[in-house]
Amino acid sequence: MSDADAPAALKYPRVLLKVSGEALAGEKGFGFDFETIDRLADEIVGVVSMGATVGLVIGGGNIVRGSLISKLGMDRVSADYMGMLGTVINALAVQDILERKGIETRVMTAIRMEELAEPFIRRRALRHFEKGRTVIFAAGTGNPYFSTDTAAVLRAIQIKANVIIKATSVDGVYSADPKKDPDARFFEEISYRDVMVQELGVMDQTAVTLSKENALPLIVLNIHKTGTIARAIRGERVGTLVR
């Protein structure tokens, strides 16, 4: 389905959904919690059924986090490539569950591995969206030292997404970690500049700068609340809007 065919009720007919690898692990913190992945897949099914096109970027932190293991002594470049491979594993897991729910998907990777997935080619990705497919972008940007947050922003710009939705375990952006500080202030809306100045940790600075320069709005919301993604793309006020 092209943007021209998308229902007028959708404020954001094309969305890039960013999900952390840890979110796939649920309460276990490592590996896969298939009940959690199934719930995420149901959210995506609901969004697709509304007529939106969805691109998905998943982190790899439930398997290996390159920046962390590099601090333990491993070469940073090797560690980051390991993290990229973790995102491919996650992409294949989510693809399998989505397709069992009737959603046609493609996995596109920044590192070539044709036996598993297609290489990322922008025009091909746009064609998949025109055909109504959900595209999962894996292996980050294909380069070390860049986070999957930056990869999500880059892919969002390349596919002409109307918004990035970052699904987290809290309700939006706070002045501090609300799980640790009960007095943390919730922001209903905040500018990218204030996010950088206050160092709020919404995304890394490279991703924030890239979003700001391209006037790409970001919605940060709670992935564990059913229907929040669908409400957000309809234009309802959910979570925190960063722009």
C-alpha atoms as a PDB file:
ATOM      1  CA  MET A   1       0.000   0.000   0.000  1.00  0.00           C
ATOM      2  CA  SER A   2       1.391   3.403  -0.963  1.00  0.00           C
ATOM      3  CA  ASP A   3       1.111   6.516   1.173  1.00  0.00           C
ATOM      4  CA  ALA A   4      -1.469   7.825  -1.304  1.00  0.00           C
ATOM      5  CA  ASP A   5      -3.724   4.847  -0.537  1.00  0.00           C
ATOM      6  CA  ALA A   6      -3.327   5.098   3.251  1.00  0.00           C
ATOM      7  CA  PRO A   7      -6.418   6.028   5.245  1.00  0.00           C
ATOM      8  CA  ALA A   8      -6.815   9.741   5.871  1.00  0.00           C
ATOM      9  CA  ALA A   9      -7.373   9.019   9.569  1.00  0.00           C
ATOM     10  CA  LEU A  10      -3.686   8.242  10.036  1.00  0.00           C
ATOM     11  CA  LYS A  11      -1.530  11.202  10.971  1.00  0.00           C
ATOM     12  CA  TYR A  12       1.585   9.092  10.380  1.00  0.00           C
ATOM     13  CA  PRO A  13       0.939   6.640   7.499  1.00  0.00           C
ATOM     14  CA  ARG A  14       4.552   5.467   7.425  1.00  0.00           C
ATOM     15  CA  VAL A  15       6.319   4.736  10.692  1.00  0.00           C
ATOM     16  CA  LEU A  16       9.759   3.513  11.726  1.00  0.00           C
ATOM     17  CA  LEU A  17       9.404   1.524  14.932  1.00  0.00           C
ATOM     18  CA  LYS A  18      12.530   1.239  17.095  1.00  0.00           C
ATOM     19  CA  VAL A  19      12.521  -1.547  19.677  1.00  0.00           C
ATOM     20  CA  SER A  20      15.403  -2.395  21.996  1.00  0.00           C
ATOM     21  CA  GLY A  21      16.764  -5.922  22.051  1.00  0.00           C
ATOM     22  CA  GLU A  22      16.146  -6.017  25.800  1.00  0.00           C
ATOM     23  CA  ALA A  23      12.425  -5.563  25.123  1.00  0.00           C
ATOM     24  CA  LEU A  24      12.369  -8.966  23.399  1.00  0.00           C
ATOM     25  CA  ALA A  25      13.823 -10.577  26.515  1.00  0.00           C
ATOM     26  CA  GLY A  26      10.967  -9.411  28.733  1.00  0.00           C
ATOM     27  CA  GLU A  27      11.593  -9.931  32.425  1.00  0.00           C
ATOM     28  CA  LYS A  28      14.339 -12.477  31.720  1.00  0.00           C
ATOM     29  CA  GLY A  29      16.753  -9.789  30.593  1.00  0.00           C
ATOM     30  CA  PHE A  30      18.513 -12.088  28.127  1.00  0.00           C
ATOM     31  CA  GLY A  31      17.493 -14.129  25.102  1.00  0.00           C
ATOM     32  CA  PHE A  32      13.864 -14.333  24.014  1.00  0.00           C
ATOM     33  CA  ASP A  33      10.575 -14.100  25.865  1.00  0.00           C
ATOM     34  CA  PHE A  34       8.223 -15.320  23.161  1.00  0.00           C
ATOM     35  CA  GLU A  35       5.156 -14.096  25.018  1.00  0.00           C
ATOM     36  CA  THR A  36       6.613 -10.571  24.867  1.00  0.00           C
ATOM     37  CA  ILE A  37       7.562 -10.927  21.191  1.00  0.00           C
ATOM     38  CA  ASP A  38       4.085 -12.240  20.420  1.00  0.00           C
ATOM     39  CA  ARG A  39       2.544  -9.202  22.108  1.00  0.00           C
ATOM     40  CA  LEU A  40       4.812  -6.878  20.098  1.00  0.00           C
ATOM     41  CA  ALA A  41       3.824  -8.701  16.918  1.00  0.00           C
ATOM     42  CA  ASP A  42       0.144  -8.203  17.737  1.00  0.00           C
ATOM     43  CA  GLU A  43       0.780  -4.461  18.071  1.00  0.00           C
ATOM     44  CA  ILE A  44       2.417  -4.413  14.632  1.00  0.00           C
ATOM     45  CA  VAL A  45      -0.425  -6.463  13.138  1.00  0.00           C
ATOM     46  CA  GLY A  46      -2.884  -3.912  14.491  1.00  0.00           C
ATOM     47  CA  VAL A  47      -0.947  -1.017  12.968  1.00  0.00           C
ATOM     48  CA  VAL A  48      -0.646  -2.736   9.583  1.00  0.00           C
ATOM     49  CA  SER A  49      -4.370  -3.548   9.591  1.00  0.00           C
ATOM     50  CA  MET A  50      -5.045   0.195   9.936  1.00  0.00           C
ATOM     51  CA  GLY A  51      -3.280   0.753   6.618  1.00  0.00           C
ATOM     52  CA  ALA A  52       0.064   2.035   7.852  1.00  0.00           C
ATOM     53  CA  THR A  53       3.378   0.864   6.442  1.00  0.00           C
ATOM     54  CA  VAL A  54       5.914  -0.168   9.067  1.00  0.00           C
ATOM     55  CA  GLY A  55       9.679  -0.311   9.122  1.00  0.00           C
ATOM     56  CA  LEU A  56      11.241  -1.941  12.158  1.00  0.00           C
ATOM     57  CA  VAL A  57      14.690  -1.614  13.722  1.00  0.00           C
ATOM     58  CA  ILE A  58      15.509  -3.905  16.648  1.00  0.00           C
ATOM     59  CA  GLY A  59      18.544  -3.620  18.898  1.00  0.00           C
ATOM     60  CA  GLY A  60      20.683  -6.586  19.877  1.00  0.00           C
ATOM     61  CA  GLY A  61      21.127  -5.990  23.602  1.00  0.00           C
ATOM     62  CA  ASN A  62      19.300  -9.180  24.587  1.00  0.00           C
ATOM     63  CA  ILE A  63      22.084 -11.165  22.896  1.00  0.00           C
ATOM     64  CA  VAL A  64      25.232  -9.027  22.907  1.00  0.00           C
ATOM     65  CA  ARG A  65      25.880  -5.319  23.374  1.00  0.00           C
ATOM     66  CA  GLY A  66      29.056  -4.301  21.573  1.00  0.00           C
ATOM     67  CA  SER A  67      29.750  -1.192  23.627  1.00  0.00           C
ATOM     68  CA  LEU A  68      29.537  -3.233  26.835  1.00  0.00           C
ATOM     69  CA  ILE A  69      31.785  -6.142  25.903  1.00  0.00           C
ATOM     70  CA  SER A  70      34.344  -3.739  24.427  1.00  0.00           C
ATOM     71  CA  LYS A  71      34.705  -2.292  27.938  1.00  0.00           C
ATOM     72  CA  LEU A  72      35.631  -5.781  29.118  1.00  0.00           C
ATOM     73  CA  GLY A  73      38.662  -5.760  26.849  1.00  0.00           C
ATOM     74  CA  MET A  74      37.406  -6.915  23.439  1.00  0.00           C
ATOM     75  CA  ASP A  75      38.328  -4.902  20.367  1.00  0.00           C
ATOM     76  CA  ARG A  76      35.520  -2.346  19.849  1.00  0.00           C
ATOM     77  CA  VAL A  77      35.151  -2.997  16.128  1.00  0.00           C
ATOM     78  CA  SER A  78      34.813  -6.768  16.623  1.00  0.00           C
ATOM     79  CA  ALA A  79      32.420  -6.206  19.529  1.00  0.00           C
ATOM     80  CA  ASP A  80      30.210  -3.918  17.457  1.00  0.00           C
ATOM     81  CA  TYR A  81      30.056  -6.424  14.604  1.00  0.00           C
ATOM     82  CA  MET A  82      28.958  -9.063  17.119  1.00  0.00           C
ATOM     83  CA  GLY A  83      26.199  -6.689  18.203  1.00  0.00           C
ATOM     84  CA  MET A  84      25.107  -6.254  14.585  1.00  0.00           C
ATOM     85  CA  LEU A  85      24.820 -10.023  14.196  1.00  0.00           C
ATOM     86  CA  GLY A  86      22.651 -10.050  17.310  1.00  0.00           C
ATOM     87  CA  THR A  87      20.211  -7.686  15.611  1.00  0.00           C
ATOM     88  CA  VAL A  88      19.971 -10.075  12.658  1.00  0.00           C
ATOM     89  CA  ILE A  89      19.042 -12.935  14.992  1.00  0.00           C
ATOM     90  CA  ASN A  90      16.334 -10.746  16.537  1.00  0.00           C
ATOM     91  CA  ALA A  91      15.057  -9.685  13.118  1.00  0.00           C
ATOM     92  CA  LEU A  92      14.662 -13.302  12.000  1.00  0.00           C
ATOM     93  CA  ALA A  93      12.798 -14.186  15.218  1.00  0.00           C
ATOM     94  CA  VAL A  94      10.350 -11.305  14.826  1.00  0.00           C
ATOM     95  CA  GLN A  95       9.928 -12.029  11.110  1.00  0.00           C
ATOM     96  CA  ASP A  96       8.917 -15.622  11.853  1.00  0.00           C
ATOM     97  CA  ILE A  97       6.255 -14.604  14.363  1.00  0.00           C
ATOM     98  CA  LEU A  98       4.878 -11.817  12.161  1.00  0.00           C
ATOM     99  CA  GLU A  99       4.550 -14.111   9.173  1.00  0.00           C
ATOM    100  CA  ARG A 100       2.748 -16.713  11.275  1.00  0.00           C
ATOM    101  CA  LYS A 101       0.253 -13.940  12.005  1.00  0.00           C
ATOM    102  CA  GLY A 102      -0.248 -13.270   8.292  1.00  0.00           C
ATOM    103  CA  ILE A 103       2.013 -10.229   7.875  1.00  0.00           C
ATOM    104  CA  GLU A 104       4.233 -10.325   4.793  1.00  0.00           C
ATOM    105  CA  THR A 105       7.735  -9.221   5.775  1.00  0.00           C
ATOM    106  CA  ARG A 106      11.234  -8.754   4.473  1.00  0.00           C
ATOM    107  CA  VAL A 107      14.462  -8.591   6.469  1.00  0.00           C
ATOM    108  CA  MET A 108      17.064  -6.249   4.978  1.00  0.00           C
ATOM    109  CA  THR A 109      20.588  -6.168   6.381  1.00  0.00           C
ATOM    110  CA  ALA A 110      23.350  -3.562   6.210  1.00  0.00           C
ATOM    111  CA  ILE A 111      25.883  -6.428   6.053  1.00  0.00           C
ATOM    112  CA  ARG A 112      25.416  -8.753   3.116  1.00  0.00           C
ATOM    113  CA  MET A 113      24.196 -12.243   4.024  1.00  0.00           C
ATOM    114  CA  GLU A 114      21.964 -13.265   1.127  1.00  0.00           C
ATOM    115  CA  GLU A 115      21.239 -16.734   2.491  1.00  0.00           C
ATOM    116  CA  LEU A 116      19.319 -15.103   5.362  1.00  0.00           C
ATOM    117  CA  ALA A 117      18.034 -11.762   4.143  1.00  0.00           C
ATOM    118  CA  GLU A 118      18.152  -9.134   1.434  1.00  0.00           C
ATOM    119  CA  PRO A 119      20.885  -6.493   1.410  1.00  0.00           C
ATOM    120  CA  PHE A 120      19.583  -3.033   2.220  1.00  0.00           C
ATOM    121  CA  ILE A 121      18.847  -1.194  -1.022  1.00  0.00           C
ATOM    122  CA  ARG A 122      16.749   1.909  -0.529  1.00  0.00           C
ATOM    123  CA  ARG A 123      14.696   1.638  -3.711  1.00  0.00           C
ATOM    124  CA  ARG A 124      13.948  -2.006  -2.995  1.00  0.00           C
ATOM    125  CA  ALA A 125      12.814  -1.135   0.539  1.00  0.00           C
ATOM    126  CA  LEU A 126      10.477   1.537  -0.832  1.00  0.00           C
ATOM    127  CA  ARG A 127       9.081  -0.998  -3.294  1.00  0.00           C
ATOM    128  CA  HIS A 128       8.369  -3.415  -0.433  1.00  0.00           C
ATOM    129  CA  PHE A 129       6.390  -0.672   1.301  1.00  0.00           C
ATOM    130  CA  GLU A 130       4.427  -0.005  -1.891  1.00  0.00           C
ATOM    131  CA  LYS A 131       3.463  -3.688  -1.868  1.00  0.00           C
ATOM    132  CA  GLY A 132       2.284  -3.443   1.743  1.00  0.00           C
ATOM    133  CA  ARG A 133       5.142  -5.398   3.308  1.00  0.00           C
ATOM    134  CA  THR A 134       6.641  -4.779   6.715  1.00  0.00           C
ATOM    135  CA  VAL A 135      10.413  -4.354   6.487  1.00  0.00           C
ATOM    136  CA  ILE A 136      12.780  -5.231   9.330  1.00  0.00           C
ATOM    137  CA  PHE A 137      16.126  -3.449   9.041  1.00  0.00           C
ATOM    138  CA  ALA A 138      18.965  -5.371  10.668  1.00  0.00           C
ATOM    139  CA  ALA A 139      22.719  -5.048  11.282  1.00  0.00           C
ATOM    140  CA  GLY A 140      22.496  -1.382  12.211  1.00  0.00           C
ATOM    141  CA  THR A 141      24.224   0.942   9.760  1.00  0.00           C
ATOM    142  CA  GLY A 142      26.758  -1.769   8.936  1.00  0.00           C
ATOM    143  CA  ASN A 143      29.485   0.260  10.612  1.00  0.00           C
ATOM    144  CA  PRO A 144      31.046   0.010  14.079  1.00  0.00           C
ATOM    145  CA  TYR A 145      30.689   2.882  16.567  1.00  0.00           C
ATOM    146  CA  PHE A 146      27.110   3.628  15.466  1.00  0.00           C
ATOM    147  CA  SER A 147      24.152   2.585  17.625  1.00  0.00           C
ATOM    148  CA  THR A 148      20.888   1.063  16.448  1.00  0.00           C
ATOM    149  CA  ASP A 149      19.254   4.362  17.472  1.00  0.00           C
ATOM    150  CA  THR A 150      21.320   6.083  14.799  1.00  0.00           C
ATOM    151  CA  ALA A 151      20.499   3.271  12.373  1.00  0.00           C
ATOM    152  CA  ALA A 152      16.782   3.766  13.096  1.00  0.00           C
ATOM    153  CA  VAL A 153      16.954   7.487  12.339  1.00  0.00           C
ATOM    154  CA  LEU A 154      18.996   6.888   9.191  1.00  0.00           C
ATOM    155  CA  ARG A 155      16.548   4.273   7.875  1.00  0.00           C
ATOM    156  CA  ALA A 156      13.570   6.489   8.781  1.00  0.00           C
ATOM    157  CA  ILE A 157      14.999   9.311   6.683  1.00  0.00           C
ATOM    158  CA  GLN A 158      15.821   6.992   3.799  1.00  0.00           C
ATOM    159  CA  ILE A 159      12.341   5.428   3.654  1.00  0.00           C
ATOM    160  CA  LYS A 160      10.592   8.789   4.094  1.00  0.00           C
ATOM    161  CA  ALA A 161       8.948   7.801   7.382  1.00  0.00           C
ATOM    162  CA  ASN A 162       6.587  10.355   8.895  1.00  0.00           C
ATOM    163  CA  VAL A 163       7.666   9.564  12.447  1.00  0.00           C
ATOM    164  CA  ILE A 164       9.961   7.401  14.547  1.00  0.00           C
ATOM    165  CA  ILE A 165       8.298   5.587  17.411  1.00  0.00           C
ATOM    166  CA  LYS A 166      10.693   4.417  20.094  1.00  0.00           C
ATOM    167  CA  ALA A 167       9.050   1.718  22.200  1.00  0.00           C
ATOM    168  CA  THR A 168      10.424   1.602  25.739  1.00  0.00           C
ATOM    169  CA  SER A 169       9.493   0.196  29.143  1.00  0.00           C
ATOM    170  CA  VAL A 170       8.370   3.610  30.506  1.00  0.00           C
ATOM    171  CA  ASP A 171       5.622   6.015  29.462  1.00  0.00           C
ATOM    172  CA  GLY A 172       7.859   8.524  27.702  1.00  0.00           C
ATOM    173  CA  VAL A 173      10.669  10.975  28.405  1.00  0.00           C
ATOM    174  CA  TYR A 174      11.405  11.957  31.989  1.00  0.00           C
ATOM    175  CA  SER A 175      13.889  14.303  33.619  1.00  0.00           C
ATOM    176  CA  ALA A 176      15.442  11.213  35.274  1.00  0.00           C
ATOM    177  CA  ASP A 177      14.901   7.471  35.323  1.00  0.00           C
ATOM    178  CA  PRO A 178      11.353   7.137  36.746  1.00  0.00           C
ATOM    179  CA  LYS A 179      12.143   3.618  37.950  1.00  0.00           C
ATOM    180  CA  LYS A 180      14.834   5.038  40.234  1.00  0.00           C
ATOM    181  CA  ASP A 181      13.563   8.557  40.942  1.00  0.00           C
ATOM    182  CA  PRO A 182       9.880   8.868  41.922  1.00  0.00           C
ATOM    183  CA  ASP A 183      10.154  12.652  41.560  1.00  0.00           C
ATOM    184  CA  ALA A 184      11.232  12.475  37.913  1.00  0.00           C
ATOM    185  CA  ARG A 185       9.244  14.946  35.794  1.00  0.00           C
ATOM    186  CA  PHE A 186       7.365  13.652  32.756  1.00  0.00           C
ATOM    187  CA  PHE A 187       7.603  15.608  29.509  1.00  0.00           C
ATOM    188  CA  GLU A 188       4.523  15.536  27.294  1.00  0.00           C
ATOM    189  CA  GLU A 189       6.480  17.364  24.590  1.00  0.00           C
ATOM    190  CA  ILE A 190      10.105  18.449  24.376  1.00  0.00           C
ATOM    191  CA  SER A 191      12.474  19.788  21.735  1.00  0.00           C
ATOM    192  CA  TYR A 192      15.494  17.928  20.423  1.00  0.00           C
ATOM    193  CA  ARG A 193      17.611  20.840  21.613  1.00  0.00           C
ATOM    194  CA  ASP A 194      16.402  20.428  25.199  1.00  0.00           C
ATOM    195  CA  VAL A 195      16.990  16.681  24.992  1.00  0.00           C
ATOM    196  CA  MET A 196      20.619  17.367  24.086  1.00  0.00           C
ATOM    197  CA  VAL A 197      21.165  20.196  26.564  1.00  0.00           C
ATOM    198  CA  GLN A 198      19.636  18.235  29.456  1.00  0.00           C
ATOM    199  CA  GLU A 199      21.322  14.989  28.327  1.00  0.00           C
ATOM    200  CA  LEU A 200      18.102  13.048  28.828  1.00  0.00           C
ATOM    201  CA  GLY A 201      19.347   9.886  27.121  1.00  0.00           C
ATOM    202  CA  VAL A 202      16.345   9.485  24.816  1.00  0.00           C
ATOM    203  CA  MET A 203      18.710   8.420  22.037  1.00  0.00           C
ATOM    204  CA  ASP A 204      22.427   8.880  21.587  1.00  0.00           C
ATOM    205  CA  GLN A 205      23.596  12.334  20.530  1.00  0.00           C
ATOM    206  CA  THR A 206      24.306  11.307  16.935  1.00  0.00           C
ATOM    207  CA  ALA A 207      20.750  10.029  16.487  1.00  0.00           C
ATOM    208  CA  VAL A 208      19.252  13.115  18.140  1.00  0.00           C
ATOM    209  CA  THR A 209      21.293  15.464  15.951  1.00  0.00           C
ATOM    210  CA  LEU A 210      20.331  13.592  12.780  1.00  0.00           C
ATOM    211  CA  SER A 211      16.645  13.700  13.737  1.00  0.00           C
ATOM    212  CA  LYS A 212      16.802  17.420  14.515  1.00  0.00           C
ATOM    213  CA  GLU A 213      18.569  18.301  11.271  1.00  0.00           C
ATOM    214  CA  ASN A 214      15.935  16.434   9.256  1.00  0.00           C
ATOM    215  CA  ALA A 215      12.921  17.697  11.259  1.00  0.00           C
ATOM    216  CA  LEU A 216      11.879  14.112  11.963  1.00  0.00           C
ATOM    217  CA  PRO A 217       9.458  13.807  14.898  1.00  0.00           C
ATOM    218  CA  LEU A 218      10.008  11.134  17.540  1.00  0.00           C
ATOM    219  CA  ILE A 219       7.409   9.612  19.846  1.00  0.00           C
ATOM    220  CA  VAL A 220       8.650   7.765  22.920  1.00  0.00           C
ATOM    221  CA  LEU A 221       6.030   5.478  24.457  1.00  0.00           C
ATOM    222  CA  ASN A 222       5.465   2.404  26.593  1.00  0.00           C
ATOM    223  CA  ILE A 223       5.543  -0.798  24.572  1.00  0.00           C
ATOM    224  CA  HIS A 224       3.843  -2.733  27.360  1.00  0.00           C
ATOM    225  CA  LYS A 225       0.580  -0.763  27.103  1.00  0.00           C
ATOM    226  CA  THR A 226      -1.684  -2.341  24.505  1.00  0.00           C
ATOM    227  CA  GLY A 227      -2.691  -0.159  21.586  1.00  0.00           C
ATOM    228  CA  THR A 228      -0.307   2.729  22.232  1.00  0.00           C
ATOM    229  CA  ILE A 229       1.435   2.448  18.854  1.00  0.00           C
ATOM    230  CA  ALA A 230      -1.882   2.464  16.982  1.00  0.00           C
ATOM    231  CA  ARG A 231      -3.075   5.457  18.971  1.00  0.00           C
ATOM    232  CA  ALA A 232       0.145   7.319  18.258  1.00  0.00           C
ATOM    233  CA  ILE A 233      -0.038   6.926  14.478  1.00  0.00           C
ATOM    234  CA  ARG A 234      -3.644   8.164  14.548  1.00  0.00           C
ATOM    235  CA  GLY A 235      -2.309  11.339  16.087  1.00  0.00           C
ATOM    236  CA  GLU A 236      -3.523  10.830  19.644  1.00  0.00           C
ATOM    237  CA  ARG A 237      -1.303  12.217  22.367  1.00  0.00           C
ATOM    238  CA  VAL A 238       0.588   9.185  23.683  1.00  0.00           C
ATOM    239  CA  GLY A 239       3.928   9.202  25.470  1.00  0.00           C
ATOM    240  CA  THR A 240       6.303  12.059  24.692  1.00  0.00           C
ATOM    241  CA  LEU A 241       6.601  13.923  21.405  1.00  0.00           C
ATOM    242  CA  VAL A 242      10.129  15.090  20.587  1.00  0.00           C
ATOM    243  CA  ARG A 243      10.583  17.498  17.700  1.00  0.00           C
END
